[in-house]
Amino acid sequence: MNVFRKELQALLKAARRESAVGGRAALDKRARKLFDMYLGGGDIYATDESVCGELLHITVDPKGVAVMYHVGGRLWRRDAGGRIYYETLGGPGRSFKFMPHLEDDVVTAADFFAVGFPYLEERLALVPMDEGTVAVVKGDVHPIFSIDALDRVTPDSIHDMRIFSSGELADKVCLLFEELVSDADGAWDRVFYALNS
């Protein structure tokens, strides 16, 4: 198993165990160390035109057993009611409903985690795939979206892009993406793969 993926899974398991006993500080420190080691600080800058320059910071929330993302200075969270919202220094910001067909109120490494970008009128979804692989879907994420649909993507049809970490190329990560033709339902139009090298 990919070392980064294995350590992340262990971190999420620890979050589940310690969420009830106030172990947040220790877990945050552990998460920071993990992403510092593999992602050069955890600050990822993607060069794709739709998200160019947006800051993506990854950490762990023990209470929700979630991976959180700082995007454009906003802290995106998912609450127990199934809503995704972002927080700023001034407090909670705009909120909206999570994908309605997902009923679990805990985000884990096996969940489909979708967030919206109201200022881009786009959605981004993170779908853990195989070992060390996370698929990032951009576009109109339809409620009937299935991970099985990703089977149509082949290595030969994927183009290489870059992820930069803290201003420098992250040696442990590469960004691969594929332009896809929307299906009849318009469920999605592009798929990104973030693979640990």
Protein backbone atom coordinates (compact mmCIF):
# COMPACT_ATOMS: atom_id res chain seq x y z
CA MET A 1 0.00 0.00 0.00
CA ASN A 2 1.16 3.52 -0.72
CA VAL A 3 2.83 4.85 2.44
CA PHE A 4 1.04 8.20 2.35
CA ARG A 5 -2.34 6.53 1.89
CA LYS A 6 -1.61 4.05 4.68
CA GLU A 7 -0.62 6.79 7.12
CA LEU A 8 -3.66 8.88 6.21
CA GLN A 9 -5.96 5.94 6.87
CA ALA A 10 -4.27 5.39 10.24
CA LEU A 11 -4.77 9.07 11.01
CA LEU A 12 -8.48 8.86 10.24
CA LYS A 13 -8.83 5.77 12.44
CA ALA A 14 -7.09 7.60 15.27
CA ALA A 15 -9.49 10.49 14.80
CA ARG A 16 -12.44 8.16 15.24
CA ARG A 17 -10.97 6.72 18.44
CA GLU A 18 -9.95 10.00 20.00
CA SER A 19 -12.81 12.26 18.94
CA ALA A 20 -14.72 11.46 22.12
CA VAL A 21 -11.82 12.19 24.44
CA GLY A 22 -10.68 15.57 23.18
CA GLY A 23 -7.60 14.46 21.27
CA ARG A 24 -7.92 17.18 18.64
CA ALA A 25 -4.65 19.01 19.31
CA ALA A 26 -2.53 15.88 19.05
CA LEU A 27 -4.33 14.77 15.90
CA ASP A 28 -3.96 18.17 14.27
CA LYS A 29 -0.24 18.05 14.99
CA ARG A 30 -0.02 14.53 13.57
CA ALA A 31 -1.96 15.54 10.46
CA ARG A 32 0.25 18.58 9.95
CA LYS A 33 3.37 16.44 10.21
CA LEU A 34 1.98 13.90 7.75
CA PHE A 35 1.17 16.47 5.10
CA ASP A 36 4.37 18.40 5.75
CA MET A 37 6.28 15.21 5.01
CA TYR A 38 4.46 14.19 1.85
CA LEU A 39 3.01 17.39 0.44
CA GLY A 40 5.61 19.95 1.44
CA GLY A 41 3.37 21.62 3.98
CA GLY A 42 -0.02 20.55 2.74
CA ASP A 43 -0.53 23.73 0.75
CA ILE A 44 -1.32 22.62 -2.78
CA TYR A 45 -1.51 24.98 -5.73
CA ALA A 46 -3.09 23.41 -8.81
CA THR A 47 -2.28 24.85 -12.21
CA ASP A 48 -5.59 23.99 -13.86
CA GLU A 49 -7.22 27.19 -15.12
CA SER A 50 -10.40 26.70 -13.12
CA VAL A 51 -8.62 26.53 -9.76
CA CYS A 52 -5.35 28.28 -10.52
CA GLY A 53 -3.92 29.96 -7.48
CA GLU A 54 -6.50 28.61 -5.07
CA LEU A 55 -5.05 27.39 -1.81
CA LEU A 56 -5.97 23.86 -0.78
CA HIS A 57 -4.95 22.95 2.76
CA ILE A 58 -5.68 19.51 4.16
CA THR A 59 -6.10 18.69 7.82
CA VAL A 60 -8.21 16.39 9.98
CA ASP A 61 -11.24 17.22 12.09
CA PRO A 62 -11.50 14.54 14.81
CA LYS A 63 -15.07 15.42 15.69
CA GLY A 64 -16.32 14.82 12.18
CA VAL A 65 -13.61 12.37 11.14
CA ALA A 66 -13.34 14.56 8.07
CA VAL A 67 -10.69 15.90 5.80
CA MET A 68 -11.14 19.66 5.54
CA TYR A 69 -9.99 21.94 2.75
CA HIS A 70 -8.97 25.58 2.85
CA VAL A 71 -9.95 26.87 -0.58
CA GLY A 72 -9.40 30.51 -1.42
CA GLY A 73 -9.00 31.35 2.25
CA ARG A 74 -12.24 29.63 3.25
CA LEU A 75 -12.44 26.64 5.55
CA TRP A 76 -14.95 24.16 4.18
CA ARG A 77 -16.71 21.92 6.69
CA ARG A 78 -19.54 19.41 6.72
CA ASP A 79 -21.86 19.51 9.71
CA ALA A 80 -23.93 16.71 11.25
CA GLY A 81 -26.98 17.88 9.32
CA GLY A 82 -25.32 17.11 6.02
CA ARG A 83 -24.57 20.69 5.05
CA ILE A 84 -21.31 21.93 3.63
CA TYR A 85 -20.36 25.44 4.67
CA TYR A 86 -17.27 27.57 4.85
CA GLU A 87 -15.93 29.65 7.70
CA THR A 88 -14.01 32.88 7.49
CA LEU A 89 -12.41 35.00 10.19
CA GLY A 90 -15.80 36.62 10.62
CA GLY A 91 -17.58 33.35 11.32
CA PRO A 92 -19.63 30.89 9.28
CA GLY A 93 -20.31 31.79 5.67
CA ARG A 94 -22.69 30.59 3.01
CA SER A 95 -24.11 27.10 3.55
CA PHE A 96 -25.81 24.68 1.20
CA LYS A 97 -27.13 21.14 1.18
CA PHE A 98 -24.84 18.16 0.82
CA MET A 99 -25.56 15.53 -1.85
CA PRO A 100 -29.04 14.31 -0.80
CA HIS A 101 -28.48 10.61 -1.47
CA LEU A 102 -25.68 10.43 1.10
CA GLU A 103 -27.13 9.93 4.54
CA ASP A 104 -24.05 9.25 6.65
CA ASP A 105 -23.10 12.29 8.70
CA VAL A 106 -19.45 11.27 8.98
CA VAL A 107 -16.95 11.83 6.21
CA THR A 108 -14.34 9.09 6.03
CA ALA A 109 -11.75 7.99 3.51
CA ALA A 110 -14.39 5.86 1.79
CA ASP A 111 -16.98 8.61 1.36
CA PHE A 112 -17.89 10.77 -1.59
CA PHE A 113 -17.09 14.29 -0.42
CA ALA A 114 -18.51 17.06 -2.60
CA VAL A 115 -18.21 20.78 -2.03
CA GLY A 116 -19.47 23.71 -4.07
CA PHE A 117 -17.67 26.75 -5.35
CA PRO A 118 -20.37 29.45 -5.45
CA TYR A 119 -18.00 32.03 -6.87
CA LEU A 120 -17.08 29.70 -9.75
CA GLU A 121 -20.54 28.16 -10.06
CA GLU A 122 -18.82 24.81 -10.08
CA ARG A 123 -18.63 21.78 -7.88
CA LEU A 124 -15.67 19.70 -6.88
CA ALA A 125 -15.92 16.19 -5.49
CA LEU A 126 -13.24 13.99 -3.97
CA VAL A 127 -13.71 10.26 -4.47
CA PRO A 128 -11.15 7.92 -2.86
CA MET A 129 -10.35 5.22 -5.38
CA ASP A 130 -7.62 2.59 -5.29
CA GLU A 131 -4.65 2.59 -2.96
CA GLY A 132 -2.96 5.96 -3.09
CA THR A 133 -5.49 7.36 -5.57
CA VAL A 134 -8.10 10.07 -5.19
CA ALA A 135 -10.35 11.08 -8.08
CA VAL A 136 -11.35 14.74 -8.14
CA VAL A 137 -14.44 15.39 -10.24
CA LYS A 138 -15.20 18.91 -11.43
CA GLY A 139 -18.38 20.00 -13.12
CA ASP A 140 -22.06 19.37 -12.46
CA VAL A 141 -22.00 16.46 -10.01
CA HIS A 142 -25.33 14.75 -10.51
CA PRO A 143 -26.99 12.96 -7.54
CA ILE A 144 -26.97 9.69 -9.48
CA PHE A 145 -23.22 9.94 -10.05
CA SER A 146 -21.55 6.56 -9.69
CA ILE A 147 -17.90 5.75 -9.08
CA ASP A 148 -18.38 3.04 -11.71
CA ALA A 149 -18.54 5.77 -14.33
CA LEU A 150 -14.84 6.40 -13.76
CA ASP A 151 -14.07 3.05 -15.36
CA ARG A 152 -14.22 4.72 -18.76
CA VAL A 153 -11.03 6.64 -17.98
CA THR A 154 -7.90 4.85 -19.16
CA PRO A 155 -4.22 5.65 -18.54
CA ASP A 156 -3.77 6.34 -22.26
CA SER A 157 -6.40 9.07 -22.21
CA ILE A 158 -5.08 10.93 -19.16
CA HIS A 159 -2.93 14.02 -19.59
CA ASP A 160 -0.22 15.07 -17.20
CA MET A 161 -0.51 18.28 -15.19
CA ARG A 162 1.24 19.57 -12.12
CA ILE A 163 0.50 20.25 -8.50
CA PHE A 164 2.69 22.76 -6.73
CA SER A 165 3.23 22.60 -2.99
CA SER A 166 4.20 25.74 -1.10
CA GLY A 167 5.32 27.27 -4.36
CA GLU A 168 7.47 24.30 -5.37
CA LEU A 169 6.71 21.18 -7.34
CA ALA A 170 5.57 18.45 -4.97
CA ASP A 171 7.74 15.45 -5.66
CA LYS A 172 5.28 13.04 -4.09
CA VAL A 173 2.23 14.15 -6.04
CA CYS A 174 1.27 14.62 -9.68
CA LEU A 175 -2.03 15.79 -11.09
CA LEU A 176 -3.54 13.88 -14.00
CA PHE A 177 -6.71 14.93 -15.70
CA GLU A 178 -9.01 13.86 -18.50
CA GLU A 179 -11.46 15.94 -20.52
CA LEU A 180 -14.62 13.87 -20.81
CA VAL A 181 -17.75 14.19 -22.87
CA SER A 182 -20.78 14.60 -20.62
CA ASP A 183 -23.15 11.68 -20.51
CA ALA A 184 -26.87 12.00 -21.24
CA ASP A 185 -27.59 13.26 -17.74
CA GLY A 186 -24.77 15.78 -17.79
CA ALA A 187 -23.53 14.23 -14.56
CA TRP A 188 -19.93 15.37 -14.97
CA ASP A 189 -17.61 16.73 -17.59
CA ARG A 190 -14.09 16.39 -16.27
CA VAL A 191 -12.23 14.00 -14.01
CA PHE A 192 -8.99 14.72 -12.22
CA TYR A 193 -6.83 12.09 -10.62
CA ALA A 194 -4.44 12.97 -7.82
CA LEU A 195 -1.96 10.14 -7.61
CA ASN A 196 0.88 9.71 -5.19
CA SER A 197 3.99 8.93 -7.18
